[in-house]
Amino acid sequence: LTYFLTFYIGHTALGGGSKDPFHRLKGWHELGAEVSNIL
């Protein structure tokens, strides 16, 4: 269920918001790529 929700919630209106239980886990890879390019 945990692995399923990881993918499912991202495609709902809750994805990425404060009510998304996986909020703290998302976006870091993309941020690292952006900072790498700037650096």
Full PDB file with SEQRES, HELIX, SHEET, SSBOND, CRYST1, ORIGX, SCALE, CONECT and MASTER records, all heavy atoms in Angstrom:
SEQRES   1 A   39  LEU THR TYR PHE LEU THR PHE TYR ILE GLY HIS THR ALA          
SEQRES   2 A   39  LEU GLY GLY GLY SER LYS ASP PRO PHE HIS ARG LEU LYS          
SEQRES   3 A   39  GLY TRP HIS GLU LEU GLY ALA GLU VAL SER ASN ILE LEU          
HELIX    1 AA1 THR A    2  TYR A    8  1                                   7    
HELIX    2 AA2 ILE A    9  HIS A   11  5                                   3    
HELIX    3 AA3 HIS A   23  LEU A   25  5                                   3    
HELIX    4 AA4 TRP A   28  ILE A   38  1                                  11    
CRYST1    1.000    1.000    1.000  90.00  90.00  90.00 P 1           1          
ORIGX1      1.000000  0.000000  0.000000        0.00000                         
ORIGX2      0.000000  1.000000  0.000000        0.00000                         
ORIGX3      0.000000  0.000000  1.000000        0.00000                         
SCALE1      1.000000  0.000000  0.000000        0.00000                         
SCALE2      0.000000  1.000000  0.000000        0.00000                         
SCALE3      0.000000  0.000000  1.000000        0.00000                         
ATOM      1  N   LEU A   1       0.822  -1.206   0.000  1.00  0.00           N  
ATOM      2  CA  LEU A   1       0.000   0.000   0.000  1.00  0.00           C  
ATOM      3  C   LEU A   1       0.858   1.258   0.000  1.00  0.00           C  
ATOM      4  O   LEU A   1       0.551   2.230  -0.707  1.00  0.00           O  
ATOM      5  CB  LEU A   1      -0.917  -0.008   1.222  1.00  0.00           C  
ATOM      6  CG  LEU A   1      -1.871   1.186   1.366  1.00  0.00           C  
ATOM      7  CD1 LEU A   1      -2.851   1.221   0.195  1.00  0.00           C  
ATOM      8  CD2 LEU A   1      -2.627   1.114   2.690  1.00  0.00           C  
ATOM      9  N   THR A   2       1.933   1.243   0.768  1.00  0.00           N  
ATOM     10  CA  THR A   2       2.822   2.402   0.839  1.00  0.00           C  
ATOM     11  C   THR A   2       3.436   2.705  -0.517  1.00  0.00           C  
ATOM     12  O   THR A   2       3.459   3.861  -0.974  1.00  0.00           O  
ATOM     13  CB  THR A   2       3.934   2.160   1.868  1.00  0.00           C  
ATOM     14  OG1 THR A   2       3.347   1.973   3.160  1.00  0.00           O  
ATOM     15  CG2 THR A   2       4.899   3.340   1.916  1.00  0.00           C  
ATOM     16  N   TYR A   3       3.939   1.661  -1.191  1.00  0.00           N  
ATOM     17  CA  TYR A   3       4.533   1.875  -2.519  1.00  0.00           C  
ATOM     18  C   TYR A   3       3.476   2.314  -3.533  1.00  0.00           C  
ATOM     19  O   TYR A   3       3.751   3.150  -4.403  1.00  0.00           O  
ATOM     20  CB  TYR A   3       5.224   0.596  -2.993  1.00  0.00           C  
ATOM     21  CG  TYR A   3       6.551   0.352  -2.328  1.00  0.00           C  
ATOM     22  CD1 TYR A   3       6.709  -0.609  -1.336  1.00  0.00           C  
ATOM     23  CD2 TYR A   3       7.682   1.097  -2.704  1.00  0.00           C  
ATOM     24  CE1 TYR A   3       7.922  -0.817  -0.721  1.00  0.00           C  
ATOM     25  CE2 TYR A   3       8.908   0.891  -2.101  1.00  0.00           C  
ATOM     26  CZ  TYR A   3       9.032  -0.072  -1.105  1.00  0.00           C  
ATOM     27  OH  TYR A   3      10.242  -0.274  -0.501  1.00  0.00           O  
ATOM     28  N   PHE A   4       2.285   1.771  -3.418  1.00  0.00           N  
ATOM     29  CA  PHE A   4       1.204   2.150  -4.337  1.00  0.00           C  
ATOM     30  C   PHE A   4       0.827   3.617  -4.153  1.00  0.00           C  
ATOM     31  O   PHE A   4       0.674   4.357  -5.125  1.00  0.00           O  
ATOM     32  CB  PHE A   4      -0.016   1.253  -4.114  1.00  0.00           C  
ATOM     33  CG  PHE A   4      -1.241   1.706  -4.848  1.00  0.00           C  
ATOM     34  CD1 PHE A   4      -1.359   1.522  -6.217  1.00  0.00           C  
ATOM     35  CD2 PHE A   4      -2.279   2.337  -4.171  1.00  0.00           C  
ATOM     36  CE1 PHE A   4      -2.493   1.955  -6.900  1.00  0.00           C  
ATOM     37  CE2 PHE A   4      -3.415   2.770  -4.837  1.00  0.00           C  
ATOM     38  CZ  PHE A   4      -3.514   2.576  -6.209  1.00  0.00           C  
ATOM     39  N   LEU A   5       0.675   4.030  -2.880  1.00  0.00           N  
ATOM     40  CA  LEU A   5       0.278   5.405  -2.613  1.00  0.00           C  
ATOM     41  C   LEU A   5       1.329   6.402  -3.071  1.00  0.00           C  
ATOM     42  O   LEU A   5       1.007   7.534  -3.440  1.00  0.00           O  
ATOM     43  CB  LEU A   5       0.003   5.580  -1.107  1.00  0.00           C  
ATOM     44  CG  LEU A   5      -1.257   4.906  -0.571  1.00  0.00           C  
ATOM     45  CD1 LEU A   5      -1.356   5.090   0.934  1.00  0.00           C  
ATOM     46  CD2 LEU A   5      -2.501   5.448  -1.255  1.00  0.00           C  
ATOM     47  N   THR A   6       2.603   5.987  -3.036  1.00  0.00           N  
ATOM     48  CA  THR A   6       3.682   6.866  -3.492  1.00  0.00           C  
ATOM     49  C   THR A   6       3.427   7.334  -4.919  1.00  0.00           C  
ATOM     50  O   THR A   6       3.631   8.513  -5.252  1.00  0.00           O  
ATOM     51  CB  THR A   6       5.035   6.142  -3.414  1.00  0.00           C  
ATOM     52  OG1 THR A   6       5.259   5.700  -2.077  1.00  0.00           O  
ATOM     53  CG2 THR A   6       6.164   7.053  -3.839  1.00  0.00           C  
ATOM     54  N   PHE A   7       2.988   6.416  -5.764  1.00  0.00           N  
ATOM     55  CA  PHE A   7       2.725   6.761  -7.162  1.00  0.00           C  
ATOM     56  C   PHE A   7       1.320   7.336  -7.347  1.00  0.00           C  
ATOM     57  O   PHE A   7       1.128   8.266  -8.136  1.00  0.00           O  
ATOM     58  CB  PHE A   7       2.895   5.513  -8.046  1.00  0.00           C  
ATOM     59  CG  PHE A   7       4.285   4.959  -8.031  1.00  0.00           C  
ATOM     60  CD1 PHE A   7       4.609   3.880  -7.238  1.00  0.00           C  
ATOM     61  CD2 PHE A   7       5.276   5.534  -8.814  1.00  0.00           C  
ATOM     62  CE1 PHE A   7       5.895   3.368  -7.224  1.00  0.00           C  
ATOM     63  CE2 PHE A   7       6.568   5.033  -8.808  1.00  0.00           C  
ATOM     64  CZ  PHE A   7       6.882   3.945  -8.008  1.00  0.00           C  
ATOM     65  N   TYR A   8       0.355   6.812  -6.616  1.00  0.00           N  
ATOM     66  CA  TYR A   8      -1.036   7.208  -6.823  1.00  0.00           C  
ATOM     67  C   TYR A   8      -1.298   8.662  -6.395  1.00  0.00           C  
ATOM     68  O   TYR A   8      -1.896   9.436  -7.149  1.00  0.00           O  
ATOM     69  CB  TYR A   8      -1.967   6.276  -6.048  1.00  0.00           C  
ATOM     70  CG  TYR A   8      -3.410   6.699  -6.074  1.00  0.00           C  
ATOM     71  CD1 TYR A   8      -4.183   6.539  -7.227  1.00  0.00           C  
ATOM     72  CD2 TYR A   8      -4.014   7.279  -4.953  1.00  0.00           C  
ATOM     73  CE1 TYR A   8      -5.507   6.954  -7.262  1.00  0.00           C  
ATOM     74  CE2 TYR A   8      -5.343   7.687  -4.981  1.00  0.00           C  
ATOM     75  CZ  TYR A   8      -6.072   7.521  -6.134  1.00  0.00           C  
ATOM     76  OH  TYR A   8      -7.382   7.927  -6.171  1.00  0.00           O  
ATOM     77  N   ILE A   9      -0.830   9.019  -5.203  1.00  0.00           N  
ATOM     78  CA  ILE A   9      -1.118  10.361  -4.685  1.00  0.00           C  
ATOM     79  C   ILE A   9      -0.500  11.438  -5.564  1.00  0.00           C  
ATOM     80  O   ILE A   9      -1.040  12.533  -5.695  1.00  0.00           O  
ATOM     81  CB  ILE A   9      -0.627  10.484  -3.225  1.00  0.00           C  
ATOM     82  CG1 ILE A   9      -1.502   9.613  -2.324  1.00  0.00           C  
ATOM     83  CG2 ILE A   9      -0.661  11.922  -2.760  1.00  0.00           C  
ATOM     84  CD1 ILE A   9      -1.138   9.662  -0.867  1.00  0.00           C  
ATOM     85  N   GLY A  10       0.604  11.116  -6.197  1.00  0.00           N  
ATOM     86  CA  GLY A  10       1.239  12.087  -7.078  1.00  0.00           C  
ATOM     87  C   GLY A  10       0.381  12.485  -8.264  1.00  0.00           C  
ATOM     88  O   GLY A  10       0.608  13.528  -8.884  1.00  0.00           O  
ATOM     89  N   HIS A  11      -0.629  11.684  -8.582  1.00  0.00           N  
ATOM     90  CA  HIS A  11      -1.502  11.975  -9.709  1.00  0.00           C  
ATOM     91  C   HIS A  11      -2.866  12.486  -9.256  1.00  0.00           C  
ATOM     92  O   HIS A  11      -3.800  12.563 -10.050  1.00  0.00           O  
ATOM     93  CB  HIS A  11      -1.699  10.719 -10.563  1.00  0.00           C  
ATOM     94  CG  HIS A  11      -0.429  10.207 -11.167  1.00  0.00           C  
ATOM     95  ND1 HIS A  11       0.179  10.812 -12.257  1.00  0.00           N  
ATOM     96  CD2 HIS A  11       0.374   9.170 -10.828  1.00  0.00           C  
ATOM     97  CE1 HIS A  11       1.280  10.157 -12.568  1.00  0.00           C  
ATOM     98  NE2 HIS A  11       1.421   9.158 -11.717  1.00  0.00           N  
ATOM     99  N   THR A  12      -2.974  12.849  -7.994  1.00  0.00           N  
ATOM    100  CA  THR A  12      -4.216  13.403  -7.464  1.00  0.00           C  
ATOM    101  C   THR A  12      -4.016  14.869  -7.109  1.00  0.00           C  
ATOM    102  O   THR A  12      -2.904  15.411  -7.200  1.00  0.00           O  
ATOM    103  CB  THR A  12      -4.677  12.634  -6.211  1.00  0.00           C  
ATOM    104  OG1 THR A  12      -3.756  12.895  -5.132  1.00  0.00           O  
ATOM    105  CG2 THR A  12      -4.722  11.136  -6.469  1.00  0.00           C  
ATOM    106  N   ALA A  13      -5.089  15.502  -6.654  1.00  0.00           N  
ATOM    107  CA  ALA A  13      -5.029  16.916  -6.276  1.00  0.00           C  
ATOM    108  C   ALA A  13      -4.199  17.141  -5.023  1.00  0.00           C  
ATOM    109  O   ALA A  13      -3.859  18.278  -4.693  1.00  0.00           O  
ATOM    110  CB  ALA A  13      -6.441  17.457  -6.068  1.00  0.00           C  
ATOM    111  N   LEU A  14      -3.863  16.060  -4.299  1.00  0.00           N  
ATOM    112  CA  LEU A  14      -3.061  16.180  -3.078  1.00  0.00           C  
ATOM    113  C   LEU A  14      -1.567  16.121  -3.353  1.00  0.00           C  
ATOM    114  O   LEU A  14      -0.761  16.432  -2.472  1.00  0.00           O  
ATOM    115  CB  LEU A  14      -3.421  15.049  -2.100  1.00  0.00           C  
ATOM    116  CG  LEU A  14      -4.862  14.978  -1.605  1.00  0.00           C  
ATOM    117  CD1 LEU A  14      -5.047  13.762  -0.710  1.00  0.00           C  
ATOM    118  CD2 LEU A  14      -5.233  16.246  -0.853  1.00  0.00           C  
ATOM    119  N   GLY A  15      -1.205  15.731  -4.561  1.00  0.00           N  
ATOM    120  CA  GLY A  15       0.198  15.520  -4.876  1.00  0.00           C  
ATOM    121  C   GLY A  15       1.078  16.732  -4.648  1.00  0.00           C  
ATOM    122  O   GLY A  15       0.846  17.799  -5.209  1.00  0.00           O  
ATOM    123  N   GLY A  16       2.100  16.558  -3.829  1.00  0.00           N  
ATOM    124  CA  GLY A  16       3.063  17.622  -3.581  1.00  0.00           C  
ATOM    125  C   GLY A  16       2.661  18.630  -2.537  1.00  0.00           C  
ATOM    126  O   GLY A  16       3.458  19.488  -2.159  1.00  0.00           O  
ATOM    127  N   GLY A  17       1.421  18.537  -2.030  1.00  0.00           N  
ATOM    128  CA  GLY A  17       0.951  19.493  -1.034  1.00  0.00           C  
ATOM    129  C   GLY A  17       1.272  19.058   0.380  1.00  0.00           C  
ATOM    130  O   GLY A  17       1.866  18.001   0.614  1.00  0.00           O  
ATOM    131  N   SER A  18       0.844  19.858   1.327  1.00  0.00           N  
ATOM    132  CA  SER A  18       1.135  19.580   2.731  1.00  0.00           C  
ATOM    133  C   SER A  18       0.437  18.314   3.224  1.00  0.00           C  
ATOM    134  O   SER A  18       0.876  17.691   4.192  1.00  0.00           O  
ATOM    135  CB  SER A  18       0.718  20.767   3.600  1.00  0.00           C  
ATOM    136  OG  SER A  18      -0.682  21.034   3.440  1.00  0.00           O  
ATOM    137  N   LYS A  19      -0.657  17.911   2.561  1.00  0.00           N  
ATOM    138  CA  LYS A  19      -1.380  16.709   2.956  1.00  0.00           C  
ATOM    139  C   LYS A  19      -0.863  15.454   2.257  1.00  0.00           C  
ATOM    140  O   LYS A  19      -1.358  14.363   2.504  1.00  0.00           O  
ATOM    141  CB  LYS A  19      -2.874  16.882   2.676  1.00  0.00           C  
ATOM    142  CG  LYS A  19      -3.525  17.968   3.517  1.00  0.00           C  
ATOM    143  CD  LYS A  19      -5.011  18.056   3.253  1.00  0.00           C  
ATOM    144  CE  LYS A  19      -5.653  19.141   4.116  1.00  0.00           C  
ATOM    145  NZ  LYS A  19      -7.118  19.253   3.873  1.00  0.00           N  
ATOM    146  N   ASP A  20       0.108  15.634   1.397  1.00  0.00           N  
ATOM    147  CA  ASP A  20       0.748  14.492   0.735  1.00  0.00           C  
ATOM    148  C   ASP A  20       1.727  13.872   1.729  1.00  0.00           C  
ATOM    149  O   ASP A  20       2.700  14.515   2.134  1.00  0.00           O  
ATOM    150  CB  ASP A  20       1.491  14.976  -0.505  1.00  0.00           C  
ATOM    151  CG  ASP A  20       2.116  13.834  -1.302  1.00  0.00           C  
ATOM    152  OD1 ASP A  20       2.188  12.706  -0.772  1.00  0.00           O  
ATOM    153  OD2 ASP A  20       2.537  14.079  -2.441  1.00  0.00           O  
ATOM    154  N   PRO A  21       1.499  12.615   2.161  1.00  0.00           N  
ATOM    155  CA  PRO A  21       2.393  12.015   3.162  1.00  0.00           C  
ATOM    156  C   PRO A  21       3.824  11.837   2.666  1.00  0.00           C  
ATOM    157  O   PRO A  21       4.730  11.600   3.471  1.00  0.00           O  
ATOM    158  CB  PRO A  21       1.732  10.664   3.460  1.00  0.00           C  
ATOM    159  CG  PRO A  21       0.883  10.375   2.275  1.00  0.00           C  
ATOM    160  CD  PRO A  21       0.412  11.705   1.771  1.00  0.00           C  
ATOM    161  N   PHE A  22       4.035  11.971   1.357  1.00  0.00           N  
ATOM    162  CA  PHE A  22       5.371  11.800   0.798  1.00  0.00           C  
ATOM    163  C   PHE A  22       5.977  13.134   0.365  1.00  0.00           C  
ATOM    164  O   PHE A  22       6.924  13.164  -0.412  1.00  0.00           O  
ATOM    165  CB  PHE A  22       5.310  10.828  -0.386  1.00  0.00           C  
ATOM    166  CG  PHE A  22       4.670   9.515  -0.046  1.00  0.00           C  
ATOM    167  CD1 PHE A  22       3.350   9.268  -0.378  1.00  0.00           C  
ATOM    168  CD2 PHE A  22       5.376   8.542   0.638  1.00  0.00           C  
ATOM    169  CE1 PHE A  22       2.748   8.069  -0.052  1.00  0.00           C  
ATOM    170  CE2 PHE A  22       4.785   7.346   0.976  1.00  0.00           C  
ATOM    171  CZ  PHE A  22       3.473   7.092   0.630  1.00  0.00           C  
ATOM    172  N   HIS A  23       5.418  14.210   0.904  1.00  0.00           N  
ATOM    173  CA  HIS A  23       5.864  15.562   0.548  1.00  0.00           C  
ATOM    174  C   HIS A  23       7.372  15.731   0.778  1.00  0.00           C  
ATOM    175  O   HIS A  23       8.070  16.295  -0.072  1.00  0.00           O  
ATOM    176  CB  HIS A  23       5.087  16.583   1.383  1.00  0.00           C  
ATOM    177  CG  HIS A  23       5.592  17.989   1.257  1.00  0.00           C  
ATOM    178  ND1 HIS A  23       5.215  18.827   0.224  1.00  0.00           N  
ATOM    179  CD2 HIS A  23       6.463  18.698   2.031  1.00  0.00           C  
ATOM    180  CE1 HIS A  23       5.821  19.981   0.361  1.00  0.00           C  
ATOM    181  NE2 HIS A  23       6.576  19.944   1.446  1.00  0.00           N  
ATOM    182  N   ARG A  24       7.868  15.263   1.900  1.00  0.00           N  
ATOM    183  CA  ARG A  24       9.277  15.471   2.254  1.00  0.00           C  
ATOM    184  C   ARG A  24      10.230  14.687   1.357  1.00  0.00           C  
ATOM    185  O   ARG A  24      11.428  14.947   1.348  1.00  0.00           O  
ATOM    186  CB  ARG A  24       9.513  15.070   3.703  1.00  0.00           C  
ATOM    187  CG  ARG A  24       8.787  15.936   4.719  1.00  0.00           C  
ATOM    188  CD  ARG A  24       9.088  15.477   6.128  1.00  0.00           C  
ATOM    189  NE  ARG A  24      10.501  15.576   6.433  1.00  0.00           N  
ATOM    190  CZ  ARG A  24      11.070  15.089   7.535  1.00  0.00           C  
ATOM    191  NH1 ARG A  24      10.331  14.450   8.416  1.00  0.00           N  
ATOM    192  NH2 ARG A  24      12.355  15.223   7.745  1.00  0.00           N  
ATOM    193  N   LEU A  25       9.702  13.712   0.611  1.00  0.00           N  
ATOM    194  CA  LEU A  25      10.555  12.848  -0.202  1.00  0.00           C  
ATOM    195  C   LEU A  25      10.656  13.304  -1.652  1.00  0.00           C  
ATOM    196  O   LEU A  25      11.488  12.787  -2.399  1.00  0.00           O  
ATOM    197  CB  LEU A  25      10.019  11.404  -0.176  1.00  0.00           C  
ATOM    198  CG  LEU A  25       9.813  10.776   1.195  1.00  0.00           C  
ATOM    199  CD1 LEU A  25       9.248   9.373   1.047  1.00  0.00           C  
ATOM    200  CD2 LEU A  25      11.119  10.735   1.975  1.00  0.00           C  
ATOM    201  N   LYS A  26       9.851  14.255  -2.043  1.00  0.00           N  
ATOM    202  CA  LYS A  26       9.744  14.611  -3.450  1.00  0.00           C  
ATOM    203  C   LYS A  26      10.542  15.864  -3.811  1.00  0.00           C  
ATOM    204  O   LYS A  26      10.742  16.746  -2.995  1.00  0.00           O  
ATOM    205  CB  LYS A  26       8.268  14.834  -3.821  1.00  0.00           C  
ATOM    206  CG  LYS A  26       7.405  13.587  -3.706  1.00  0.00           C  
ATOM    207  CD  LYS A  26       5.961  13.875  -4.092  1.00  0.00           C  
ATOM    208  CE  LYS A  26       5.105  12.630  -4.032  1.00  0.00           C  
ATOM    209  NZ  LYS A  26       3.693  12.914  -4.403  1.00  0.00           N  
ATOM    210  N   GLY A  27      10.981  15.904  -5.070  1.00  0.00           N  
ATOM    211  CA  GLY A  27      11.579  17.107  -5.635  1.00  0.00           C  
ATOM    212  C   GLY A  27      13.072  17.254  -5.444  1.00  0.00           C  
ATOM    213  O   GLY A  27      13.685  18.152  -6.045  1.00  0.00           O  
ATOM    214  N   TRP A  28      13.685  16.395  -4.660  1.00  0.00           N  
ATOM    215  CA  TRP A  28      15.101  16.592  -4.341  1.00  0.00           C  
ATOM    216  C   TRP A  28      16.017  16.251  -5.515  1.00  0.00           C  
ATOM    217  O   TRP A  28      17.031  16.927  -5.736  1.00  0.00           O  
ATOM    218  CB  TRP A  28      15.474  15.772  -3.111  1.00  0.00           C  
ATOM    219  CG  TRP A  28      14.682  16.145  -1.904  1.00  0.00           C  
ATOM    220  CD1 TRP A  28      13.766  15.383  -1.244  1.00  0.00           C  
ATOM    221  CD2 TRP A  28      14.716  17.404  -1.206  1.00  0.00           C  
ATOM    222  NE1 TRP A  28      13.229  16.070  -0.185  1.00  0.00           N  
ATOM    223  CE2 TRP A  28      13.798  17.317  -0.142  1.00  0.00           C  
ATOM    224  CE3 TRP A  28      15.421  18.589  -1.387  1.00  0.00           C  
ATOM    225  CZ2 TRP A  28      13.567  18.369   0.736  1.00  0.00           C  
ATOM    226  CZ3 TRP A  28      15.198  19.637  -0.509  1.00  0.00           C  
ATOM    227  CH2 TRP A  28      14.282  19.519   0.536  1.00  0.00           C  
ATOM    228  N   HIS A  29      15.684  15.222  -6.253  1.00  0.00           N  
ATOM    229  CA  HIS A  29      16.504  14.859  -7.413  1.00  0.00           C  
ATOM    230  C   HIS A  29      16.504  16.003  -8.426  1.00  0.00           C  
ATOM    231  O   HIS A  29      17.558  16.366  -8.987  1.00  0.00           O  
ATOM    232  CB  HIS A  29      15.953  13.578  -8.045  1.00  0.00           C  
ATOM    233  CG  HIS A  29      16.765  13.084  -9.203  1.00  0.00           C  
ATOM    234  ND1 HIS A  29      16.564  13.529 -10.504  1.00  0.00           N  
ATOM    235  CD2 HIS A  29      17.796  12.195  -9.265  1.00  0.00           C  
ATOM    236  CE1 HIS A  29      17.435  12.932 -11.310  1.00  0.00           C  
ATOM    237  NE2 HIS A  29      18.184  12.119 -10.589  1.00  0.00           N  
ATOM    238  N   GLU A  30      15.324  16.576  -8.659  1.00  0.00           N  
ATOM    239  CA  GLU A  30      15.212  17.691  -9.604  1.00  0.00           C  
ATOM    240  C   GLU A  30      15.953  18.925  -9.101  1.00  0.00           C  
ATOM    241  O   GLU A  30      16.603  19.638  -9.881  1.00  0.00           O  
ATOM    242  CB  GLU A  30      13.740  18.020  -9.848  1.00  0.00           C  
ATOM    243  CG  GLU A  30      12.949  16.940 -10.580  1.00  0.00           C  
ATOM    244  CD  GLU A  30      12.544  15.777  -9.691  1.00  0.00           C  
ATOM    245  OE1 GLU A  30      12.790  15.845  -8.459  1.00  0.00           O  
ATOM    246  OE2 GLU A  30      11.979  14.791 -10.209  1.00  0.00           O  
ATOM    247  N   LEU A  31      15.858  19.189  -7.803  1.00  0.00           N  
ATOM    248  CA  LEU A  31      16.586  20.331  -7.238  1.00  0.00           C  
ATOM    249  C   LEU A  31      18.085  20.129  -7.394  1.00  0.00           C  
ATOM    250  O   LEU A  31      18.818  21.063  -7.748  1.00  0.00           O  
ATOM    251  CB  LEU A  31      16.229  20.501  -5.764  1.00  0.00           C  
ATOM    252  CG  LEU A  31      16.991  21.603  -5.022  1.00  0.00           C  
ATOM    253  CD1 LEU A  31      16.672  22.971  -5.624  1.00  0.00           C  
ATOM    254  CD2 LEU A  31      16.673  21.587  -3.532  1.00  0.00           C  
ATOM    255  N   GLY A  32      18.549  18.914  -7.131  1.00  0.00           N  
ATOM    256  CA  GLY A  32      19.973  18.624  -7.285  1.00  0.00           C  
ATOM    257  C   GLY A  32      20.454  18.848  -8.706  1.00  0.00           C  
ATOM    258  O   GLY A  32      21.554  19.367  -8.926  1.00  0.00           O  
ATOM    259  N   ALA A  33      19.618  18.482  -9.693  1.00  0.00           N  
ATOM    260  CA  ALA A  33      19.992  18.679 -11.094  1.00  0.00           C  
ATOM    261  C   ALA A  33      20.062  20.163 -11.436  1.00  0.00           C  
ATOM    262  O   ALA A  33      20.988  20.609 -12.139  1.00  0.00           O  
ATOM    263  CB  ALA A  33      18.973  17.973 -11.994  1.00  0.00           C  
ATOM    264  N   GLU A  34      19.101  20.941 -10.937  1.00  0.00           N  
ATOM    265  CA  GLU A  34      19.100  22.388 -11.196  1.00  0.00           C  
ATOM    266  C   GLU A  34      20.333  23.053 -10.588  1.00  0.00           C  
ATOM    267  O   GLU A  34      21.004  23.869 -11.230  1.00  0.00           O  
ATOM    268  CB  GLU A  34      17.828  23.013 -10.616  1.00  0.00           C  
ATOM    269  CG  GLU A  34      16.555  22.678 -11.361  1.00  0.00           C  
ATOM    270  CD  GLU A  34      16.363  23.530 -12.603  1.00  0.00           C  
ATOM    271  OE1 GLU A  34      17.216  24.396 -12.867  1.00  0.00           O  
ATOM    272  OE2 GLU A  34      15.368  23.313 -13.311  1.00  0.00           O  
ATOM    273  N   VAL A  35      20.612  22.715  -9.337  1.00  0.00           N  
ATOM    274  CA  VAL A  35      21.769  23.309  -8.658  1.00  0.00           C  
ATOM    275  C   VAL A  35      23.065  22.864  -9.332  1.00  0.00           C  
ATOM    276  O   VAL A  35      24.020  23.646  -9.450  1.00  0.00           O  
ATOM    277  CB  VAL A  35      21.766  22.935  -7.167  1.00  0.00           C  
ATOM    278  CG1 VAL A  35      23.057  23.390  -6.484  1.00  0.00           C  
ATOM    279  CG2 VAL A  35      20.558  23.550  -6.468  1.00  0.00           C  
ATOM    280  N   SER A  36      23.112  21.633  -9.815  1.00  0.00           N  
ATOM    281  CA  SER A  36      24.309  21.145 -10.514  1.00  0.00           C  
ATOM    282  C   SER A  36      24.594  21.981 -11.754  1.00  0.00           C  
ATOM    283  O   SER A  36      25.748  22.336 -12.025  1.00  0.00           O  
ATOM    284  CB  SER A  36      24.123  19.671 -10.907  1.00  0.00           C  
ATOM    285  OG  SER A  36      24.002  18.846  -9.778  1.00  0.00           O  
ATOM    286  N   ASN A  37      23.534  22.299 -12.512  1.00  0.00           N  
ATOM    287  CA  ASN A  37      23.715  23.112 -13.718  1.00  0.00           C  
ATOM    288  C   ASN A  37      24.207  24.518 -13.383  1.00  0.00           C  
ATOM    289  O   ASN A  37      25.113  25.049 -14.043  1.00  0.00           O  
ATOM    290  CB  ASN A  37      22.391  23.199 -14.488  1.00  0.00           C  
ATOM    291  CG  ASN A  37      21.977  21.867 -15.084  1.00  0.00           C  
ATOM    292  OD1 ASN A  37      22.827  21.023 -15.381  1.00  0.00           O  
ATOM    293  ND2 ASN A  37      20.682  21.666 -15.266  1.00  0.00           N  
ATOM    294  N   ILE A  38      23.604  25.118 -12.364  1.00  0.00           N  
ATOM    295  CA  ILE A  38      24.029  26.466 -11.960  1.00  0.00           C  
ATOM    296  C   ILE A  38      25.458  26.440 -11.449  1.00  0.00           C  
ATOM    297  O   ILE A  38      26.276  27.306 -11.782  1.00  0.00           O  
ATOM    298  CB  ILE A  38      23.078  27.020 -10.883  1.00  0.00           C  
ATOM    299  CG1 ILE A  38      21.666  27.146 -11.432  1.00  0.00           C  
ATOM    300  CG2 ILE A  38      23.576  28.372 -10.374  1.00  0.00           C  
ATOM    301  CD1 ILE A  38      20.637  27.540 -10.389  1.00  0.00           C  
ATOM    302  N   LEU A  39      25.768  25.442 -10.644  1.00  0.00           N  
ATOM    303  CA  LEU A  39      27.109  25.334 -10.061  1.00  0.00           C  
ATOM    304  C   LEU A  39      28.162  25.142 -11.147  1.00  0.00           C  
ATOM    305  O   LEU A  39      29.254  25.716 -11.079  1.00  0.00           O  
ATOM    306  CB  LEU A  39      27.135  24.163  -9.080  1.00  0.00           C  
ATOM    307  CG  LEU A  39      28.354  24.030  -8.165  1.00  0.00           C  
ATOM    308  CD1 LEU A  39      28.464  25.250  -7.254  1.00  0.00           C  
ATOM    309  CD2 LEU A  39      28.249  22.762  -7.334  1.00  0.00           C  
TER     310      LEU A  39                                                      
MASTER        0    0    0    4    0    0    0    6  309    1    0    3          
END                                                                             
